[in-house]
Amino acid sequence: MSSFAFIIHPIAPKRDVARKYPFLGTILPEGVVHFLSRFWPPVYLSRVVGGRSEATGQEIEGWLIAVPYTAQRMLALPTHEVYRKIVAAGELAERLGAKVLGLGAYTSVIGDGGLTIARELDIPVTSGDSYTAAIAVRATRQAASMMNIELSKTTLAIVGATGAIGGAVAQKLGPEAGQVLLVGRRAERLTQVAERVQAQGAHDVALTQNIADLREAEVVITVTSAGGGLVKPEYLRSGAVVCDVSRPRDVSWQVAQMRNDVLVFDGGLVTVPGTVDFGFDYGLPPGLTFGCMAETMTLAFEKRFEDYSLGKDLTLEQMDEIDGLASKHGFRLAALRSFERKLDEAVIARVKACASRGGPLPGNDNVPSVDDITSQVRVGGQEVGK
């Protein structure tokens, strides 16, 4: 049986530690959790079963492995130290018998986008970023259609455009937009991405290092490593569609509470073919996963045991290839979700109504709590906007 392993890590230290170690998650202060994570080895979480290809009928098995660092901890520690922990997780995957390893979240962000990790391991490695980018594009097109937004007549903003996913999304979706606004921290890198977007056929490309310029965009895709809360309520125009690929979320929880005139949804969620059981609750409904894990599973279905989606520059060819392969095996874009809740017709109608009045209305229905928003274990792929 073909097999894979996938690395995840926590977002909210106490709550996510409690998913595996209920007693420790209850008694340990957050600061102690952060301190101990430096010495805690990679953790075997679960065996994944039940994924079945629609094309071949083949089943695969896999394993979830946790690197105990939060995103903030990984960014604060020396890169070589974080590498050692990720490589140790990869070596555990090798011992379990996995044939391909996926790097979830910041494990694919740190350093050089997985290249060093791949060199240190015998098992093939993928960041999963190519399929994450492809799914983000699909989800954004769908959301824009639901809000009656014509991309060709609007400004599309990519926050974190200088990262691997942001750059690929900009190149893929940019030519469909009236104007493209690339948002990032490094001017030189932004210019390089702009040239690639223009080479794909986009004619009006603007650059900014000021996140507040998002007010100009009707459609926003955000995928950074800012650590959460980057996109604030005052940065969004009424009626905007916002695809948040990042975990921790780039879109502040205050947007859910204050801006019922914008449509915010999670990027990169897909349904898995078969009756998959991940054996561990990482915060999604049954049968759903993130694009990065789906890419890893697709490579296992294809028996493509080779490095994939590594480095800071993804190719559109690879993005299109893995999108086609995933579709062949039965992975599909999931119903859009916003702050852990499915976007139904009533929510869409309310957003439209509020936007038509030019701003948010008092009383935001179906607003999740802060705990709901911040309690998810990080699985989905994302990239540094720097």
Protein backbone atom coordinates (compact mmCIF):
# COMPACT_ATOMS: atom_id res chain seq x y z
CA MET A 1 0.00 0.00 0.00
CA SER A 2 1.30 3.44 -0.91
CA SER A 3 1.88 5.69 2.09
CA PHE A 4 2.66 9.22 3.22
CA ALA A 5 3.38 11.22 6.35
CA PHE A 6 2.49 14.80 7.12
CA ILE A 7 3.91 17.21 9.68
CA ILE A 8 1.65 19.59 11.58
CA HIS A 9 2.19 21.93 14.52
CA PRO A 10 0.06 23.82 17.06
CA ILE A 11 -1.31 27.34 16.89
CA ALA A 12 -2.74 27.86 20.39
CA PRO A 13 -0.21 26.16 22.71
CA LYS A 14 -2.37 25.14 25.69
CA ARG A 15 -5.44 24.11 23.74
CA ASP A 16 -3.54 22.24 21.06
CA VAL A 17 -1.26 20.47 23.54
CA ALA A 18 -4.44 19.36 25.31
CA ARG A 19 -5.59 17.63 22.12
CA LYS A 20 -2.79 15.10 22.62
CA TYR A 21 -2.00 15.50 26.32
CA PRO A 22 -5.19 16.68 28.10
CA PHE A 23 -3.64 16.88 31.57
CA LEU A 24 -0.53 18.79 30.50
CA GLY A 25 -2.59 21.17 28.38
CA THR A 26 -4.67 21.98 31.43
CA ILE A 27 -1.98 22.53 34.06
CA LEU A 28 0.95 24.00 32.14
CA PRO A 29 1.07 27.79 31.62
CA GLU A 30 1.55 28.90 28.04
CA GLY A 31 5.07 30.15 28.73
CA VAL A 32 6.07 26.75 30.06
CA VAL A 33 4.63 25.05 26.98
CA HIS A 34 6.76 27.30 24.79
CA PHE A 35 9.85 26.59 26.90
CA LEU A 36 9.37 22.81 26.94
CA SER A 37 8.69 22.69 23.19
CA ARG A 38 12.37 23.31 22.60
CA PHE A 39 13.21 20.00 24.27
CA TRP A 40 10.15 17.94 23.33
CA PRO A 41 10.77 15.48 20.46
CA PRO A 42 8.48 15.15 17.44
CA VAL A 43 5.21 13.48 18.40
CA TYR A 44 3.44 10.61 16.64
CA LEU A 45 -0.21 11.67 16.47
CA SER A 46 -2.17 9.18 14.43
CA ARG A 47 -2.50 6.79 11.52
CA VAL A 48 -4.54 8.03 8.56
CA VAL A 49 -6.72 5.47 6.78
CA GLY A 50 -9.64 5.35 4.37
CA GLY A 51 -8.44 7.65 1.57
CA ARG A 52 -9.39 6.00 -1.72
CA SER A 53 -8.65 7.20 -5.26
CA GLU A 54 -11.67 7.70 -7.52
CA ALA A 55 -9.45 6.95 -10.52
CA THR A 56 -7.88 3.67 -9.41
CA GLY A 57 -9.79 2.50 -6.34
CA GLN A 58 -6.45 2.36 -4.55
CA GLU A 59 -6.29 3.10 -0.84
CA ILE A 60 -3.37 4.78 0.86
CA GLU A 61 -2.34 5.07 4.49
CA GLY A 62 -0.49 7.83 6.25
CA TRP A 63 0.68 9.23 9.55
CA LEU A 64 0.34 12.61 11.24
CA ILE A 65 3.44 13.78 13.08
CA ALA A 66 3.65 16.94 15.18
CA VAL A 67 6.58 19.26 15.58
CA PRO A 68 5.81 20.82 18.99
CA TYR A 69 6.78 24.39 18.06
CA THR A 70 4.19 27.07 17.44
CA ALA A 71 4.69 29.40 14.50
CA GLN A 72 5.95 32.16 16.76
CA ARG A 73 8.43 29.78 18.40
CA MET A 74 9.81 28.65 15.05
CA LEU A 75 10.30 32.22 13.92
CA ALA A 76 12.08 33.11 17.15
CA LEU A 77 14.50 30.18 17.31
CA PRO A 78 17.66 29.81 15.21
CA THR A 79 16.80 28.31 11.83
CA HIS A 80 19.27 25.44 12.18
CA GLU A 81 17.62 24.40 15.45
CA VAL A 82 14.18 24.32 13.86
CA TYR A 83 15.62 22.35 10.95
CA ARG A 84 16.87 19.68 13.37
CA LYS A 85 13.41 19.20 14.85
CA ILE A 86 11.77 18.97 11.41
CA VAL A 87 14.41 16.53 10.17
CA ALA A 88 13.82 14.41 13.28
CA ALA A 89 10.11 14.34 12.41
CA GLY A 90 11.05 13.28 8.87
CA GLU A 91 13.22 10.48 10.21
CA LEU A 92 10.27 9.29 12.29
CA ALA A 93 8.20 9.25 9.09
CA GLU A 94 10.87 7.13 7.43
CA ARG A 95 10.80 4.62 10.29
CA LEU A 96 7.02 4.40 10.03
CA GLY A 97 7.39 3.44 6.38
CA ALA A 98 6.11 6.59 4.66
CA LYS A 99 7.09 6.98 1.02
CA VAL A 100 6.59 10.76 0.80
CA LEU A 101 6.58 13.50 3.45
CA GLY A 102 4.50 16.69 3.48
CA LEU A 103 5.61 19.80 5.35
CA GLY A 104 2.63 21.56 6.90
CA ALA A 105 2.53 25.26 7.68
CA TYR A 106 5.67 26.90 9.05
CA THR A 107 7.71 23.71 8.67
CA SER A 108 7.70 24.54 4.95
CA VAL A 109 8.23 28.26 5.53
CA ILE A 110 11.32 28.30 7.71
CA GLY A 111 14.56 28.89 5.83
CA ASP A 112 14.61 27.93 2.18
CA GLY A 113 11.16 26.46 1.65
CA GLY A 114 11.96 22.83 2.38
CA LEU A 115 15.11 22.48 0.26
CA THR A 116 17.44 21.90 3.21
CA ILE A 117 14.98 19.50 4.85
CA ALA A 118 14.79 17.47 1.64
CA ARG A 119 18.57 17.24 1.40
CA GLU A 120 18.80 15.92 4.95
CA LEU A 121 16.24 13.13 4.44
CA ASP A 122 16.08 10.00 2.30
CA ILE A 123 12.29 10.32 1.96
CA PRO A 124 10.95 12.65 -0.79
CA VAL A 125 9.54 15.93 0.53
CA THR A 126 6.86 18.38 -0.58
CA SER A 127 5.64 21.65 0.91
CA GLY A 128 2.19 21.13 -0.62
CA ASP A 129 2.23 24.75 -1.74
CA SER A 130 1.41 24.11 -5.41
CA TYR A 131 -1.98 22.56 -4.71
CA THR A 132 -2.66 25.05 -1.93
CA ALA A 133 -2.19 27.84 -4.48
CA ALA A 134 -4.42 26.08 -7.00
CA ILE A 135 -7.23 25.60 -4.47
CA ALA A 136 -6.95 29.22 -3.30
CA VAL A 137 -7.47 30.34 -6.89
CA ARG A 138 -10.51 28.09 -7.29
CA ALA A 139 -12.03 29.25 -4.01
CA THR A 140 -11.50 32.92 -4.84
CA ARG A 141 -13.19 32.56 -8.22
CA GLN A 142 -16.15 30.86 -6.57
CA ALA A 143 -16.48 33.46 -3.81
CA ALA A 144 -16.27 36.34 -6.27
CA SER A 145 -19.04 34.73 -8.32
CA MET A 146 -21.19 34.30 -5.19
CA MET A 147 -20.80 38.02 -4.50
CA ASN A 148 -21.50 38.95 -8.15
CA ILE A 149 -18.00 40.38 -8.56
CA GLU A 150 -16.44 40.33 -12.02
CA LEU A 151 -12.72 39.89 -11.61
CA SER A 152 -12.03 41.59 -14.92
CA LYS A 153 -13.52 44.81 -13.53
CA THR A 154 -11.97 44.76 -10.08
CA THR A 155 -8.72 45.18 -8.19
CA LEU A 156 -7.21 41.93 -6.90
CA ALA A 157 -4.79 42.29 -3.98
CA ILE A 158 -2.30 39.58 -3.03
CA VAL A 159 -0.92 40.02 0.49
CA GLY A 160 2.33 38.12 0.86
CA ALA A 161 2.89 38.27 -2.90
CA THR A 162 6.63 37.68 -2.50
CA GLY A 163 6.14 34.22 -0.98
CA ALA A 164 5.83 31.00 -2.95
CA ILE A 165 2.05 30.66 -2.76
CA GLY A 166 1.38 34.39 -3.10
CA GLY A 167 3.58 34.66 -6.16
CA ALA A 168 1.99 31.64 -7.83
CA VAL A 169 -1.54 32.85 -7.10
CA ALA A 170 -0.70 36.29 -8.47
CA GLN A 171 0.61 34.80 -11.70
CA LYS A 172 -2.35 32.47 -12.11
CA LEU A 173 -5.22 34.81 -11.20
CA GLY A 174 -3.67 38.18 -11.95
CA PRO A 175 -4.34 38.13 -15.72
CA GLU A 176 -8.06 37.69 -14.98
CA ALA A 177 -8.26 40.88 -12.87
CA GLY A 178 -8.73 44.47 -13.93
CA GLN A 179 -5.82 45.52 -11.71
CA VAL A 180 -3.39 43.56 -9.54
CA LEU A 181 -2.08 45.01 -6.28
CA LEU A 182 0.94 43.14 -4.91
CA VAL A 183 1.53 43.64 -1.18
CA GLY A 184 4.79 42.64 0.47
CA ARG A 185 7.69 43.78 2.60
CA ARG A 186 10.58 43.73 0.12
CA ALA A 187 10.42 46.18 -2.76
CA GLU A 188 13.00 44.36 -4.90
CA ARG A 189 11.21 41.05 -4.59
CA LEU A 190 7.85 42.69 -5.31
CA THR A 191 9.28 44.03 -8.56
CA GLN A 192 10.41 40.54 -9.56
CA VAL A 193 6.97 39.09 -8.89
CA ALA A 194 5.34 41.94 -10.81
CA GLU A 195 7.44 41.11 -13.86
CA ARG A 196 6.30 37.49 -13.74
CA VAL A 197 2.65 38.49 -13.34
CA GLN A 198 2.93 40.82 -16.33
CA ALA A 199 4.60 38.05 -18.33
CA GLN A 200 1.45 35.97 -17.79
CA GLY A 201 -0.69 38.70 -19.35
CA ALA A 202 -1.63 41.10 -16.55
CA HIS A 203 -1.42 44.70 -17.80
CA ASP A 204 -2.07 46.82 -14.70
CA VAL A 205 0.12 45.77 -11.78
CA ALA A 206 0.73 48.01 -8.76
CA LEU A 207 3.09 47.44 -5.83
CA THR A 208 2.83 48.50 -2.19
CA GLN A 209 4.43 47.83 1.16
CA ASN A 210 1.51 49.41 2.99
CA ILE A 211 -1.15 46.94 4.14
CA ALA A 212 -3.69 49.77 4.46
CA ASP A 213 -3.77 50.00 0.65
CA LEU A 214 -6.04 46.95 0.71
CA ARG A 215 -8.90 49.45 0.86
CA GLU A 216 -8.50 49.75 -2.91
CA ALA A 217 -9.23 46.05 -3.57
CA GLU A 218 -12.55 44.31 -4.06
CA VAL A 219 -10.88 40.87 -3.92
CA VAL A 220 -8.08 39.99 -1.49
CA ILE A 221 -5.98 36.85 -1.12
CA THR A 222 -3.73 36.87 1.92
CA VAL A 223 -0.97 34.34 2.62
CA THR A 224 1.78 35.52 4.94
CA SER A 225 3.71 34.47 8.02
CA ALA A 226 2.78 37.55 10.01
CA GLY A 227 1.62 35.42 12.93
CA GLY A 228 -2.04 36.42 12.86
CA GLY A 229 -4.21 39.54 12.87
CA LEU A 230 -2.45 41.34 10.02
CA VAL A 231 -5.62 42.31 8.13
CA LYS A 232 -7.72 44.58 10.36
CA PRO A 233 -11.32 45.72 9.92
CA GLU A 234 -10.38 49.23 8.78
CA TYR A 235 -8.25 47.88 5.91
CA LEU A 236 -11.17 46.33 4.00
CA ARG A 237 -13.62 48.05 1.70
CA SER A 238 -17.32 47.30 1.95
CA GLY A 239 -18.33 44.30 -0.15
CA ALA A 240 -14.79 42.90 -0.36
CA VAL A 241 -14.11 39.18 -0.79
CA VAL A 242 -11.16 37.96 1.31
CA CYS A 243 -9.50 34.55 0.92
CA ASP A 244 -7.35 33.82 3.99
CA VAL A 245 -4.89 31.00 3.30
CA SER A 246 -2.71 31.60 6.36
CA ARG A 247 -2.69 29.91 9.76
CA PRO A 248 -2.50 31.64 12.18
CA ARG A 249 -5.05 33.66 10.30
CA ASP A 250 -3.98 36.86 8.60
CA VAL A 251 -7.51 38.24 8.99
CA SER A 252 -8.09 39.55 12.49
CA TRP A 253 -10.93 38.00 14.50
CA GLN A 254 -12.21 41.57 14.85
CA VAL A 255 -13.23 41.43 11.19
CA ALA A 256 -15.69 38.64 12.04
CA GLN A 257 -17.10 40.74 14.86
CA MET A 258 -17.20 44.16 13.20
CA ARG A 259 -17.44 43.73 9.43
CA ASN A 260 -20.57 41.86 8.35
CA ASP A 261 -20.28 43.69 5.02
CA VAL A 262 -17.24 41.69 3.85
CA LEU A 263 -16.96 38.02 2.91
CA VAL A 264 -14.00 36.32 4.57
CA PHE A 265 -13.37 32.64 3.88
CA ASP A 266 -10.70 30.02 4.44
CA GLY A 267 -8.49 29.24 1.48
CA GLY A 268 -7.09 25.83 0.66
CA LEU A 269 -9.76 23.45 2.01
CA VAL A 270 -10.62 20.31 0.06
CA THR A 271 -12.69 17.15 0.43
CA VAL A 272 -10.75 13.88 0.45
CA PRO A 273 -11.91 10.96 -1.72
CA GLY A 274 -13.05 7.87 0.16
CA THR A 275 -14.01 7.70 3.81
CA VAL A 276 -10.83 9.10 5.29
CA ASP A 277 -10.17 8.96 9.01
CA PHE A 278 -7.28 11.15 10.14
CA GLY A 279 -7.31 9.66 13.62
CA PHE A 280 -6.76 13.07 15.19
CA ASP A 281 -8.86 16.20 15.55
CA TYR A 282 -6.95 19.08 13.99
CA GLY A 283 -9.94 21.39 13.74
CA LEU A 284 -11.73 20.54 10.50
CA PRO A 285 -14.99 18.65 9.88
CA PRO A 286 -14.70 14.96 8.90
CA GLY A 287 -13.51 14.37 5.35
CA LEU A 288 -11.87 17.78 4.91
CA THR A 289 -8.21 18.67 4.80
CA PHE A 290 -5.93 21.41 3.57
CA GLY A 291 -4.45 21.64 0.10
CA CYS A 292 -0.93 20.95 1.32
CA MET A 293 -1.88 17.59 2.82
CA ALA A 294 -3.98 16.79 -0.24
CA GLU A 295 -0.91 17.37 -2.43
CA THR A 296 1.06 14.92 -0.30
CA MET A 297 -1.73 12.35 -0.55
CA THR A 298 -1.99 12.89 -4.30
CA LEU A 299 1.70 12.12 -4.74
CA ALA A 300 1.14 8.92 -2.74
CA PHE A 301 -1.82 7.96 -4.97
CA GLU A 302 0.33 8.62 -8.05
CA LYS A 303 3.34 6.81 -6.56
CA ARG A 304 5.29 9.95 -7.44
CA PHE A 305 7.93 9.50 -4.79
CA GLU A 306 9.97 12.58 -5.61
CA ASP A 307 10.58 16.03 -4.16
CA TYR A 308 7.82 18.46 -5.14
CA SER A 309 6.87 22.12 -4.52
CA LEU A 310 10.14 23.05 -2.82
CA GLY A 311 11.81 26.45 -2.64
CA LYS A 312 10.41 29.95 -2.83
CA ASP A 313 9.45 29.98 -6.52
CA LEU A 314 6.65 27.66 -7.64
CA THR A 315 6.02 27.08 -11.34
CA LEU A 316 2.59 27.37 -12.90
CA GLU A 317 3.30 24.13 -14.75
CA GLN A 318 3.74 22.24 -11.48
CA MET A 319 0.72 23.99 -10.00
CA ASP A 320 -1.46 22.96 -12.95
CA GLU A 321 -0.06 19.43 -12.93
CA ILE A 322 -0.83 18.71 -9.28
CA ASP A 323 -4.25 20.35 -9.63
CA GLY A 324 -5.07 17.96 -12.45
CA LEU A 325 -3.71 14.92 -10.62
CA ALA A 326 -5.62 15.77 -7.44
CA SER A 327 -8.84 16.18 -9.43
CA LYS A 328 -8.23 12.83 -11.13
CA HIS A 329 -8.02 11.06 -7.79
CA GLY A 330 -11.14 12.80 -6.43
CA PHE A 331 -9.99 15.76 -4.36
CA ARG A 332 -12.50 18.61 -4.66
CA LEU A 333 -12.77 22.18 -3.44
CA ALA A 334 -14.76 22.07 -0.20
CA ALA A 335 -17.75 24.25 0.54
CA LEU A 336 -16.45 27.64 1.60
CA ARG A 337 -16.02 28.20 5.33
CA SER A 338 -15.53 31.36 7.35
CA PHE A 339 -13.95 31.28 10.82
CA GLU A 340 -14.71 27.55 11.17
CA ARG A 341 -18.29 27.83 9.91
CA LYS A 342 -19.82 26.95 6.56
CA LEU A 343 -20.85 29.89 4.42
CA ASP A 344 -24.51 29.35 3.62
CA GLU A 345 -26.87 31.40 1.44
CA ALA A 346 -28.15 33.39 4.41
CA VAL A 347 -24.65 34.59 5.28
CA ILE A 348 -23.95 35.56 1.67
CA ALA A 349 -27.24 37.44 1.46
CA ARG A 350 -26.48 39.34 4.67
CA VAL A 351 -23.04 40.37 3.45
CA LYS A 352 -24.53 41.59 0.19
CA ALA A 353 -27.24 43.52 2.01
CA CYS A 354 -24.78 45.20 4.34
CA ALA A 355 -22.43 46.03 1.49
CA SER A 356 -25.27 47.52 -0.56
CA ARG A 357 -25.88 49.94 2.33
CA GLY A 358 -22.25 50.97 2.23
CA GLY A 359 -20.99 49.47 5.47
CA PRO A 360 -21.53 47.05 8.36
CA LEU A 361 -24.84 46.90 10.17
CA PRO A 362 -25.21 46.50 13.94
CA GLY A 363 -25.46 42.90 15.12
CA ASN A 364 -23.23 40.40 13.37
CA ASP A 365 -24.98 37.04 13.11
CA ASN A 366 -23.15 33.74 13.59
CA VAL A 367 -20.02 35.34 15.01
CA PRO A 368 -17.67 32.72 16.51
CA SER A 369 -15.88 33.25 19.77
CA VAL A 370 -12.21 34.18 19.93
CA ASP A 371 -11.50 30.71 21.32
CA ASP A 372 -13.16 29.12 18.28
CA ILE A 373 -11.02 31.18 15.95
CA THR A 374 -7.67 30.65 17.64
CA SER A 375 -7.91 27.02 18.71
CA GLN A 376 -7.10 25.24 15.46
CA VAL A 377 -4.04 23.06 15.02
CA ARG A 378 -2.12 24.33 12.04
CA VAL A 379 -2.20 21.98 9.07
CA GLY A 380 -2.63 24.08 5.95
CA GLY A 381 0.24 25.32 3.82
CA GLN A 382 1.25 28.93 3.73
CA GLU A 383 4.23 31.05 2.83
CA VAL A 384 6.24 33.96 4.06
CA GLY A 385 5.37 37.36 2.65
CA LYS A 386 8.82 38.83 2.94
